[in-house]
């Protein structure tokens, strides 16, 4: 059976006005993250629809197409009989706790209040019982397109202005331990200056940096005899995070000393166990010994 070509089929041509309208409809311009993800899913579904129609026009059966594109035969049959791309039905809008406050939100937004937390607190004073996330989602479409990802439009990006970008705690931790060195000298000098300023402003950071770097050297150089001295310093460092870490090591000193002195490690064993567990979970309970052995050999 042949399917009639329509605006949604490849036979309509990529240069037709219908195709241009269809391409524009899925372009994620000034959309929220959820809307962009929805548009991406629609594009994938549209591509599969075109593939199904193309295979059907080549004369393949529904069963063969379903096997080729890994889709259910019922979906393949729906695509071949539709005549055009079947859009998903839009979800019905459900009542929201914000329905009685949207006009007030719009007035406050136009008045210049763009802070979701401030607006939420004002609504709470008027009897609103919802969370701040509902308010933030309601005003998100009103923000500029560049701030839909939760970032301010005026905040400089790390690529455009590395010296002015605010580093994350993870980045600063790497700089303190000298684990993340920059490729160019200017950026590395900027990071080093920031680390020095942090250590001068907060002595606890300097103490933590010194003890952390010492512990890294103990691990790299297998300095087991120096571990008790480091442990004593960490327990009385005055840094609560380090003291908690040291108490945890104190409970299992034998294992820690063995890790710092012995050349052996069970890392390979743990890695193989983790890989086997991942394979088992990927197969959704179908991991009998024969299939598991086959997957393991293929993965190796």
C-alpha atoms as a PDB file:
ATOM      1  CA  UNK A   1       0.000   0.000   0.000  1.00  0.00           C
ATOM      2  CA  UNK A   2       1.322   3.436  -0.907  1.00  0.00           C
ATOM      3  CA  UNK A   3       0.806   6.470   1.248  1.00  0.00           C
ATOM      4  CA  UNK A   4      -0.223   9.778  -0.281  1.00  0.00           C
ATOM      5  CA  UNK A   5       2.414  12.443  -0.055  1.00  0.00           C
ATOM      6  CA  UNK A   6       1.513  15.508   1.975  1.00  0.00           C
ATOM      7  CA  UNK A   7       3.122  18.445   3.710  1.00  0.00           C
ATOM      8  CA  UNK A   8       4.643  16.177   6.320  1.00  0.00           C
ATOM      9  CA  UNK A   9       6.244  13.651   3.959  1.00  0.00           C
ATOM     10  CA  UNK A  10       9.657  13.867   2.333  1.00  0.00           C
ATOM     11  CA  UNK A  11       8.032  14.071  -1.092  1.00  0.00           C
ATOM     12  CA  UNK A  12       6.784  17.564  -0.289  1.00  0.00           C
ATOM     13  CA  UNK A  13      10.363  18.810  -0.658  1.00  0.00           C
ATOM     14  CA  UNK A  14      12.574  20.689   1.721  1.00  0.00           C
ATOM     15  CA  UNK A  15      12.133  23.919  -0.207  1.00  0.00           C
ATOM     16  CA  UNK A  16       8.322  24.162  -0.031  1.00  0.00           C
ATOM     17  CA  UNK A  17       6.621  26.769   2.192  1.00  0.00           C
ATOM     18  CA  UNK A  18       5.094  23.973   4.246  1.00  0.00           C
ATOM     19  CA  UNK A  19       8.534  22.543   5.025  1.00  0.00           C
ATOM     20  CA  UNK A  20       9.875  25.967   5.949  1.00  0.00           C
ATOM     21  CA  UNK A  21       6.938  26.543   8.291  1.00  0.00           C
ATOM     22  CA  UNK A  22       7.483  23.147   9.867  1.00  0.00           C
ATOM     23  CA  UNK A  23      11.188  23.850  10.431  1.00  0.00           C
ATOM     24  CA  UNK A  24      10.385  27.215  11.983  1.00  0.00           C
ATOM     25  CA  UNK A  25       7.842  25.678  14.315  1.00  0.00           C
ATOM     26  CA  UNK A  26      10.442  23.582  16.083  1.00  0.00           C
ATOM     27  CA  UNK A  27      13.200  26.190  16.283  1.00  0.00           C
ATOM     28  CA  UNK A  28      13.886  26.742  20.000  1.00  0.00           C
ATOM     29  CA  UNK A  29      13.967  30.556  19.986  1.00  0.00           C
ATOM     30  CA  UNK A  30      13.315  32.305  23.310  1.00  0.00           C
ATOM     31  CA  UNK A  31      11.994  29.110  24.886  1.00  0.00           C
ATOM     32  CA  UNK A  32      12.372  27.778  28.380  1.00  0.00           C
ATOM     33  CA  UNK A  33      14.497  24.717  29.017  1.00  0.00           C
ATOM     34  CA  UNK A  34      11.444  22.444  29.202  1.00  0.00           C
ATOM     35  CA  UNK A  35      10.123  23.857  25.923  1.00  0.00           C
ATOM     36  CA  UNK A  36      13.483  23.373  24.213  1.00  0.00           C
ATOM     37  CA  UNK A  37      13.614  19.760  25.392  1.00  0.00           C
ATOM     38  CA  UNK A  38      10.086  19.252  24.085  1.00  0.00           C
ATOM     39  CA  UNK A  39      11.087  20.729  20.721  1.00  0.00           C
ATOM     40  CA  UNK A  40      14.129  18.428  20.592  1.00  0.00           C
ATOM     41  CA  UNK A  41      11.948  15.370  21.223  1.00  0.00           C
ATOM     42  CA  UNK A  42       9.580  16.516  18.483  1.00  0.00           C
ATOM     43  CA  UNK A  43      12.448  16.844  16.014  1.00  0.00           C
ATOM     44  CA  UNK A  44      13.595  13.283  16.792  1.00  0.00           C
ATOM     45  CA  UNK A  45      10.053  11.985  16.351  1.00  0.00           C
ATOM     46  CA  UNK A  46       9.703  13.916  13.070  1.00  0.00           C
ATOM     47  CA  UNK A  47      12.939  12.403  11.759  1.00  0.00           C
ATOM     48  CA  UNK A  48      11.696   8.898  12.600  1.00  0.00           C
ATOM     49  CA  UNK A  49       8.405   9.664  10.862  1.00  0.00           C
ATOM     50  CA  UNK A  50      10.238  10.673   7.681  1.00  0.00           C
ATOM     51  CA  UNK A  51      12.330   7.497   7.885  1.00  0.00           C
ATOM     52  CA  UNK A  52       9.222   5.324   8.250  1.00  0.00           C
ATOM     53  CA  UNK A  53       7.513   7.019   5.295  1.00  0.00           C
ATOM     54  CA  UNK A  54      10.631   6.648   3.137  1.00  0.00           C
ATOM     55  CA  UNK A  55      10.943   2.939   3.888  1.00  0.00           C
ATOM     56  CA  UNK A  56       7.234   2.433   3.264  1.00  0.00           C
ATOM     57  CA  UNK A  57       7.500   4.133  -0.124  1.00  0.00           C
ATOM     58  CA  UNK A  58      10.364   1.788  -0.967  1.00  0.00           C
ATOM     59  CA  UNK A  59       7.950  -1.123  -0.492  1.00  0.00           C
ATOM     60  CA  UNK A  60       8.983  -2.518   2.891  1.00  0.00           C
ATOM     61  CA  UNK A  61       6.319  -4.140   5.029  1.00  0.00           C
ATOM     62  CA  UNK A  62       5.205  -2.796   8.383  1.00  0.00           C
ATOM     63  CA  UNK A  63       6.974  -5.636  10.189  1.00  0.00           C
ATOM     64  CA  UNK A  64      10.240  -4.988   8.325  1.00  0.00           C
ATOM     65  CA  UNK A  65      10.065  -1.246   9.005  1.00  0.00           C
ATOM     66  CA  UNK A  66       9.361  -1.824  12.696  1.00  0.00           C
ATOM     67  CA  UNK A  67      12.374  -4.107  12.926  1.00  0.00           C
ATOM     68  CA  UNK A  68      14.578  -1.659  10.996  1.00  0.00           C
ATOM     69  CA  UNK A  69      13.756   1.475  13.019  1.00  0.00           C
ATOM     70  CA  UNK A  70      13.081  -0.382  16.307  1.00  0.00           C
ATOM     71  CA  UNK A  71       9.535   0.881  16.727  1.00  0.00           C
ATOM     72  CA  UNK A  72       6.276  -0.841  17.566  1.00  0.00           C
ATOM     73  CA  UNK A  73       4.316  -2.007  14.540  1.00  0.00           C
ATOM     74  CA  UNK A  74       1.285  -0.073  15.726  1.00  0.00           C
ATOM     75  CA  UNK A  75       3.277   3.173  15.625  1.00  0.00           C
ATOM     76  CA  UNK A  76       4.688   2.330  12.199  1.00  0.00           C
ATOM     77  CA  UNK A  77       1.181   1.611  10.901  1.00  0.00           C
ATOM     78  CA  UNK A  78      -0.022   4.934  12.343  1.00  0.00           C
ATOM     79  CA  UNK A  79       2.767   6.811  10.559  1.00  0.00           C
ATOM     80  CA  UNK A  80       2.158   5.137   7.209  1.00  0.00           C
ATOM     81  CA  UNK A  81      -1.580   5.841   7.304  1.00  0.00           C
ATOM     82  CA  UNK A  82      -1.432   9.379   8.671  1.00  0.00           C
ATOM     83  CA  UNK A  83      -0.636  11.176   5.407  1.00  0.00           C
ATOM     84  CA  UNK A  84       1.172  13.860   7.397  1.00  0.00           C
ATOM     85  CA  UNK A  85       3.179  14.088  10.597  1.00  0.00           C
ATOM     86  CA  UNK A  86       0.830  13.335  13.540  1.00  0.00           C
ATOM     87  CA  UNK A  87       1.385  15.915  16.248  1.00  0.00           C
ATOM     88  CA  UNK A  88       1.061  14.880  19.867  1.00  0.00           C
ATOM     89  CA  UNK A  89      -2.005  16.147  21.670  1.00  0.00           C
ATOM     90  CA  UNK A  90      -1.157  19.059  23.933  1.00  0.00           C
ATOM     91  CA  UNK A  91      -1.790  18.521  27.617  1.00  0.00           C
ATOM     92  CA  UNK A  92      -4.771  20.290  29.093  1.00  0.00           C
ATOM     93  CA  UNK A  93      -3.912  23.158  31.381  1.00  0.00           C
ATOM     94  CA  UNK A  94      -4.673  22.236  34.962  1.00  0.00           C
ATOM     95  CA  UNK A  95      -5.720  24.705  37.663  1.00  0.00           C
ATOM     96  CA  UNK A  96      -2.787  26.290  39.467  1.00  0.00           C
ATOM     97  CA  UNK A  97      -2.421  27.941  42.838  1.00  0.00           C
ATOM     98  CA  UNK A  98      -1.148  30.988  40.962  1.00  0.00           C
ATOM     99  CA  UNK A  99      -4.306  31.533  38.919  1.00  0.00           C
ATOM    100  CA  UNK A 100      -5.593  34.202  41.307  1.00  0.00           C
ATOM    101  CA  UNK A 101      -2.251  36.014  41.474  1.00  0.00           C
ATOM    102  CA  UNK A 102      -1.104  36.192  37.845  1.00  0.00           C
ATOM    103  CA  UNK A 103      -2.441  39.691  37.278  1.00  0.00           C
ATOM    104  CA  UNK A 104      -0.591  40.917  40.364  1.00  0.00           C
ATOM    105  CA  UNK A 105       2.593  39.211  39.203  1.00  0.00           C
ATOM    106  CA  UNK A 106       2.335  40.893  35.812  1.00  0.00           C
ATOM    107  CA  UNK A 107       1.826  44.318  37.439  1.00  0.00           C
ATOM    108  CA  UNK A 108       4.826  43.869  39.736  1.00  0.00           C
ATOM    109  CA  UNK A 109       6.952  42.615  36.837  1.00  0.00           C
ATOM    110  CA  UNK A 110       6.093  45.630  34.703  1.00  0.00           C
ATOM    111  CA  UNK A 111       6.825  47.823  37.724  1.00  0.00           C
ATOM    112  CA  UNK A 112      10.422  46.510  37.701  1.00  0.00           C
ATOM    113  CA  UNK A 113      10.407  43.725  40.319  1.00  0.00           C
ATOM    114  CA  UNK A 114      12.035  40.712  38.598  1.00  0.00           C
ATOM    115  CA  UNK A 115      13.195  38.787  41.684  1.00  0.00           C
ATOM    116  CA  UNK A 116      11.253  35.535  42.129  1.00  0.00           C
ATOM    117  CA  UNK A 117      11.984  35.352  45.866  1.00  0.00           C
ATOM    118  CA  UNK A 118      10.684  38.870  46.512  1.00  0.00           C
ATOM    119  CA  UNK A 119       7.549  38.215  44.467  1.00  0.00           C
ATOM    120  CA  UNK A 120       6.968  34.923  46.257  1.00  0.00           C
ATOM    121  CA  UNK A 121       7.198  36.587  49.660  1.00  0.00           C
ATOM    122  CA  UNK A 122       4.728  39.249  48.574  1.00  0.00           C
ATOM    123  CA  UNK A 123       2.301  36.573  47.416  1.00  0.00           C
ATOM    124  CA  UNK A 124       2.744  34.683  50.671  1.00  0.00           C
ATOM    125  CA  UNK A 125       1.686  37.808  52.530  1.00  0.00           C
ATOM    126  CA  UNK A 126      -1.495  37.815  50.426  1.00  0.00           C
ATOM    127  CA  UNK A 127      -2.343  34.215  51.258  1.00  0.00           C
ATOM    128  CA  UNK A 128      -0.487  32.272  48.565  1.00  0.00           C
ATOM    129  CA  UNK A 129       0.457  28.773  49.808  1.00  0.00           C
ATOM    130  CA  UNK A 130       2.561  27.577  46.911  1.00  0.00           C
ATOM    131  CA  UNK A 131       6.337  27.274  46.729  1.00  0.00           C
ATOM    132  CA  UNK A 132       8.849  29.692  45.244  1.00  0.00           C
ATOM    133  CA  UNK A 133       9.418  27.373  42.258  1.00  0.00           C
ATOM    134  CA  UNK A 134       5.875  28.015  41.000  1.00  0.00           C
ATOM    135  CA  UNK A 135       6.481  31.757  41.019  1.00  0.00           C
ATOM    136  CA  UNK A 136       9.826  31.353  39.251  1.00  0.00           C
ATOM    137  CA  UNK A 137       8.259  29.187  36.529  1.00  0.00           C
ATOM    138  CA  UNK A 138       5.466  31.710  36.031  1.00  0.00           C
ATOM    139  CA  UNK A 139       7.820  34.629  35.399  1.00  0.00           C
ATOM    140  CA  UNK A 140      10.434  32.628  33.465  1.00  0.00           C
ATOM    141  CA  UNK A 141       8.844  33.260  30.017  1.00  0.00           C
ATOM    142  CA  UNK A 142       9.010  37.007  30.702  1.00  0.00           C
ATOM    143  CA  UNK A 143      12.772  36.993  31.125  1.00  0.00           C
ATOM    144  CA  UNK A 144      15.148  37.674  28.216  1.00  0.00           C
ATOM    145  CA  UNK A 145      16.073  34.669  26.094  1.00  0.00           C
ATOM    146  CA  UNK A 146      19.679  34.726  27.330  1.00  0.00           C
ATOM    147  CA  UNK A 147      18.565  34.235  30.945  1.00  0.00           C
ATOM    148  CA  UNK A 148      16.239  31.256  30.423  1.00  0.00           C
ATOM    149  CA  UNK A 149      18.947  28.880  31.628  1.00  0.00           C
ATOM    150  CA  UNK A 150      18.856  30.461  35.078  1.00  0.00           C
ATOM    151  CA  UNK A 151      21.765  32.837  34.420  1.00  0.00           C
ATOM    152  CA  UNK A 152      21.605  36.617  34.409  1.00  0.00           C
ATOM    153  CA  UNK A 153      21.979  38.135  30.964  1.00  0.00           C
ATOM    154  CA  UNK A 154      24.618  40.570  32.183  1.00  0.00           C
ATOM    155  CA  UNK A 155      26.825  37.924  33.809  1.00  0.00           C
ATOM    156  CA  UNK A 156      30.003  37.433  31.767  1.00  0.00           C
ATOM    157  CA  UNK A 157      30.717  33.954  30.470  1.00  0.00           C
ATOM    158  CA  UNK A 158      33.946  32.191  31.492  1.00  0.00           C
ATOM    159  CA  UNK A 159      35.064  31.957  27.855  1.00  0.00           C
ATOM    160  CA  UNK A 160      34.635  35.676  27.151  1.00  0.00           C
ATOM    161  CA  UNK A 161      36.094  37.016  30.399  1.00  0.00           C
ATOM    162  CA  UNK A 162      37.963  34.405  32.451  1.00  0.00           C
ATOM    163  CA  UNK A 163      39.423  36.939  34.857  1.00  0.00           C
ATOM    164  CA  UNK A 164      35.979  38.268  35.855  1.00  0.00           C
ATOM    165  CA  UNK A 165      34.082  34.977  36.013  1.00  0.00           C
ATOM    166  CA  UNK A 166      33.090  33.862  39.497  1.00  0.00           C
ATOM    167  CA  UNK A 167      34.657  30.420  40.106  1.00  0.00           C
ATOM    168  CA  UNK A 168      32.711  27.585  41.666  1.00  0.00           C
ATOM    169  CA  UNK A 169      33.732  25.954  44.976  1.00  0.00           C
ATOM    170  CA  UNK A 170      34.894  22.885  43.059  1.00  0.00           C
ATOM    171  CA  UNK A 171      37.164  25.000  40.876  1.00  0.00           C
ATOM    172  CA  UNK A 172      38.644  26.816  43.871  1.00  0.00           C
ATOM    173  CA  UNK A 173      39.291  23.474  45.583  1.00  0.00           C
ATOM    174  CA  UNK A 174      41.282  22.343  42.560  1.00  0.00           C
ATOM    175  CA  UNK A 175      43.259  25.571  42.582  1.00  0.00           C
ATOM    176  CA  UNK A 176      44.017  25.255  46.295  1.00  0.00           C
ATOM    177  CA  UNK A 177      45.420  21.762  45.754  1.00  0.00           C
ATOM    178  CA  UNK A 178      47.127  22.759  42.500  1.00  0.00           C
ATOM    179  CA  UNK A 179      45.246  20.006  40.664  1.00  0.00           C
ATOM    180  CA  UNK A 180      43.867  22.217  37.893  1.00  0.00           C
ATOM    181  CA  UNK A 181      46.623  24.185  36.198  1.00  0.00           C
ATOM    182  CA  UNK A 182      45.758  26.602  33.391  1.00  0.00           C
ATOM    183  CA  UNK A 183      47.338  26.335  29.963  1.00  0.00           C
ATOM    184  CA  UNK A 184      48.354  29.997  29.767  1.00  0.00           C
ATOM    185  CA  UNK A 185      50.481  31.821  32.316  1.00  0.00           C
ATOM    186  CA  UNK A 186      48.130  34.805  32.771  1.00  0.00           C
ATOM    187  CA  UNK A 187      45.197  32.651  33.845  1.00  0.00           C
ATOM    188  CA  UNK A 188      47.404  30.593  36.166  1.00  0.00           C
ATOM    189  CA  UNK A 189      48.786  33.784  37.749  1.00  0.00           C
ATOM    190  CA  UNK A 190      45.246  35.072  38.263  1.00  0.00           C
ATOM    191  CA  UNK A 191      44.244  31.819  39.964  1.00  0.00           C
ATOM    192  CA  UNK A 192      47.317  31.865  42.182  1.00  0.00           C
ATOM    193  CA  UNK A 193      46.602  35.448  43.222  1.00  0.00           C
ATOM    194  CA  UNK A 194      43.040  34.486  44.115  1.00  0.00           C
ATOM    195  CA  UNK A 195      44.283  31.554  46.216  1.00  0.00           C
ATOM    196  CA  UNK A 196      46.696  33.829  48.079  1.00  0.00           C
ATOM    197  CA  UNK A 197      43.935  36.333  48.775  1.00  0.00           C
ATOM    198  CA  UNK A 198      41.678  33.600  50.121  1.00  0.00           C
ATOM    199  CA  UNK A 199      44.408  32.268  52.434  1.00  0.00           C
ATOM    200  CA  UNK A 200      45.126  35.767  53.742  1.00  0.00           C
ATOM    201  CA  UNK A 201      41.455  36.575  54.296  1.00  0.00           C
ATOM    202  CA  UNK A 202      40.656  33.282  56.038  1.00  0.00           C
ATOM    203  CA  UNK A 203      43.364  31.435  58.037  1.00  0.00           C
ATOM    204  CA  UNK A 204      41.190  28.304  58.139  1.00  0.00           C
ATOM    205  CA  UNK A 205      41.471  28.015  54.356  1.00  0.00           C
ATOM    206  CA  UNK A 206      45.255  28.234  54.594  1.00  0.00           C
ATOM    207  CA  UNK A 207      45.305  25.535  57.283  1.00  0.00           C
ATOM    208  CA  UNK A 208      43.053  23.293  55.208  1.00  0.00           C
ATOM    209  CA  UNK A 209      45.205  23.835  52.126  1.00  0.00           C
ATOM    210  CA  UNK A 210      48.387  22.866  53.940  1.00  0.00           C
ATOM    211  CA  UNK A 211      46.928  19.717  55.500  1.00  0.00           C
ATOM    212  CA  UNK A 212      45.222  18.682  52.256  1.00  0.00           C
ATOM    213  CA  UNK A 213      48.411  19.073  50.225  1.00  0.00           C
ATOM    214  CA  UNK A 214      50.327  17.089  52.843  1.00  0.00           C
ATOM    215  CA  UNK A 215      47.779  14.280  52.679  1.00  0.00           C
ATOM    216  CA  UNK A 216      48.031  14.215  48.878  1.00  0.00           C
ATOM    217  CA  UNK A 217      51.804  13.810  49.155  1.00  0.00           C
ATOM    218  CA  UNK A 218      51.338  10.986  51.683  1.00  0.00           C
ATOM    219  CA  UNK A 219      49.152   9.161  49.177  1.00  0.00           C
ATOM    220  CA  UNK A 220      51.392   9.748  46.169  1.00  0.00           C
ATOM    221  CA  UNK A 221      54.673   8.914  47.907  1.00  0.00           C
ATOM    222  CA  UNK A 222      53.283   6.118  50.152  1.00  0.00           C
ATOM    223  CA  UNK A 223      54.577   7.771  53.323  1.00  0.00           C
ATOM    224  CA  UNK A 224      52.885   5.495  55.836  1.00  0.00           C
ATOM    225  CA  UNK A 225      55.105   6.378  58.844  1.00  0.00           C
ATOM    226  CA  UNK A 226      54.164  10.077  58.522  1.00  0.00           C
ATOM    227  CA  UNK A 227      50.431   9.379  58.702  1.00  0.00           C
ATOM    228  CA  UNK A 228      50.051   9.419  62.539  1.00  0.00           C
ATOM    229  CA  UNK A 229      51.594  12.889  62.736  1.00  0.00           C
ATOM    230  CA  UNK A 230      49.323  14.206  60.002  1.00  0.00           C
ATOM    231  CA  UNK A 231      46.303  12.626  61.683  1.00  0.00           C
ATOM    232  CA  UNK A 232      47.106  14.349  64.972  1.00  0.00           C
ATOM    233  CA  UNK A 233      47.409  17.730  63.238  1.00  0.00           C
ATOM    234  CA  UNK A 234      44.137  17.266  61.380  1.00  0.00           C
ATOM    235  CA  UNK A 235      42.255  16.272  64.551  1.00  0.00           C
ATOM    236  CA  UNK A 236      43.330  19.536  66.219  1.00  0.00           C
ATOM    237  CA  UNK A 237      43.288  21.798  63.148  1.00  0.00           C
ATOM    238  CA  UNK A 238      40.165  23.741  64.116  1.00  0.00           C
ATOM    239  CA  UNK A 239      38.620  23.057  60.696  1.00  0.00           C
ATOM    240  CA  UNK A 240      35.441  21.075  61.341  1.00  0.00           C
ATOM    241  CA  UNK A 241      35.432  19.430  57.901  1.00  0.00           C
ATOM    242  CA  UNK A 242      39.001  18.216  58.254  1.00  0.00           C
ATOM    243  CA  UNK A 243      38.427  17.052  61.820  1.00  0.00           C
ATOM    244  CA  UNK A 244      35.454  14.968  60.696  1.00  0.00           C
ATOM    245  CA  UNK A 245      37.506  13.497  57.843  1.00  0.00           C
ATOM    246  CA  UNK A 246      40.348  12.680  60.252  1.00  0.00           C
ATOM    247  CA  UNK A 247      37.997  10.983  62.722  1.00  0.00           C
ATOM    248  CA  UNK A 248      36.730   8.777  59.921  1.00  0.00           C
ATOM    249  CA  UNK A 249      40.286   7.751  59.057  1.00  0.00           C
ATOM    250  CA  UNK A 250      41.053   7.181  62.740  1.00  0.00           C
ATOM    251  CA  UNK A 251      38.355   4.513  62.967  1.00  0.00           C
ATOM    252  CA  UNK A 252      40.116   2.417  60.302  1.00  0.00           C
ATOM    253  CA  UNK A 253      43.790   3.251  60.721  1.00  0.00           C
ATOM    254  CA  UNK A 254      44.997  -0.242  59.797  1.00  0.00           C
ATOM    255  CA  UNK A 255      43.428  -0.046  56.338  1.00  0.00           C
ATOM    256  CA  UNK A 256      44.703   3.511  55.790  1.00  0.00           C
ATOM    257  CA  UNK A 257      48.255   2.576  56.752  1.00  0.00           C
ATOM    258  CA  UNK A 258      48.106  -0.434  54.456  1.00  0.00           C
ATOM    259  CA  UNK A 259      46.975   1.819  51.601  1.00  0.00           C
ATOM    260  CA  UNK A 260      49.892   4.177  52.296  1.00  0.00           C
ATOM    261  CA  UNK A 261      52.553   1.448  52.493  1.00  0.00           C
ATOM    262  CA  UNK A 262      51.479  -1.615  50.456  1.00  0.00           C
ATOM    263  CA  UNK A 263      51.790  -1.650  46.659  1.00  0.00           C
ATOM    264  CA  UNK A 264      48.570  -3.657  46.286  1.00  0.00           C
ATOM    265  CA  UNK A 265      45.129  -2.254  45.560  1.00  0.00           C
ATOM    266  CA  UNK A 266      41.645  -3.716  45.105  1.00  0.00           C
ATOM    267  CA  UNK A 267      40.742  -0.965  42.652  1.00  0.00           C
ATOM    268  CA  UNK A 268      40.782  -3.341  39.684  1.00  0.00           C
ATOM    269  CA  UNK A 269      38.453  -5.777  41.451  1.00  0.00           C
ATOM    270  CA  UNK A 270      36.019  -3.024  42.406  1.00  0.00           C
ATOM    271  CA  UNK A 271      36.108  -1.683  38.862  1.00  0.00           C
ATOM    272  CA  UNK A 272      35.228  -5.075  37.373  1.00  0.00           C
ATOM    273  CA  UNK A 273      32.391  -5.538  39.881  1.00  0.00           C
ATOM    274  CA  UNK A 274      31.002  -2.111  39.018  1.00  0.00           C
ATOM    275  CA  UNK A 275      31.175  -2.905  35.295  1.00  0.00           C
ATOM    276  CA  UNK A 276      29.323  -6.197  35.765  1.00  0.00           C
ATOM    277  CA  UNK A 277      26.622  -4.495  37.824  1.00  0.00           C
ATOM    278  CA  UNK A 278      26.159  -1.864  35.116  1.00  0.00           C
ATOM    279  CA  UNK A 279      25.788  -4.569  32.475  1.00  0.00           C
ATOM    280  CA  UNK A 280      23.269  -6.420  34.609  1.00  0.00           C
ATOM    281  CA  UNK A 281      21.152  -3.315  35.189  1.00  0.00           C
ATOM    282  CA  UNK A 282      21.237  -2.426  31.496  1.00  0.00           C
ATOM    283  CA  UNK A 283      19.692  -5.773  30.606  1.00  0.00           C
ATOM    284  CA  UNK A 284      16.724  -5.351  32.956  1.00  0.00           C
ATOM    285  CA  UNK A 285      16.809  -8.715  34.727  1.00  0.00           C
ATOM    286  CA  UNK A 286      17.774 -10.720  31.609  1.00  0.00           C
ATOM    287  CA  UNK A 287      21.301 -11.281  32.907  1.00  0.00           C
ATOM    288  CA  UNK A 288      21.581 -15.072  32.915  1.00  0.00           C
ATOM    289  CA  UNK A 289      25.113 -16.420  32.891  1.00  0.00           C
ATOM    290  CA  UNK A 290      25.297 -17.026  29.130  1.00  0.00           C
ATOM    291  CA  UNK A 291      24.064 -13.559  28.175  1.00  0.00           C
ATOM    292  CA  UNK A 292      26.143 -11.874  30.859  1.00  0.00           C
ATOM    293  CA  UNK A 293      29.278 -13.686  29.678  1.00  0.00           C
ATOM    294  CA  UNK A 294      28.574 -12.634  26.091  1.00  0.00           C
ATOM    295  CA  UNK A 295      28.041  -8.977  27.021  1.00  0.00           C
ATOM    296  CA  UNK A 296      31.176  -8.995  29.161  1.00  0.00           C
ATOM    297  CA  UNK A 297      33.302 -10.341  26.309  1.00  0.00           C
ATOM    298  CA  UNK A 298      31.889  -7.744  23.917  1.00  0.00           C
ATOM    299  CA  UNK A 299      32.504  -4.915  26.377  1.00  0.00           C
ATOM    300  CA  UNK A 300      36.098  -6.063  26.861  1.00  0.00           C
END
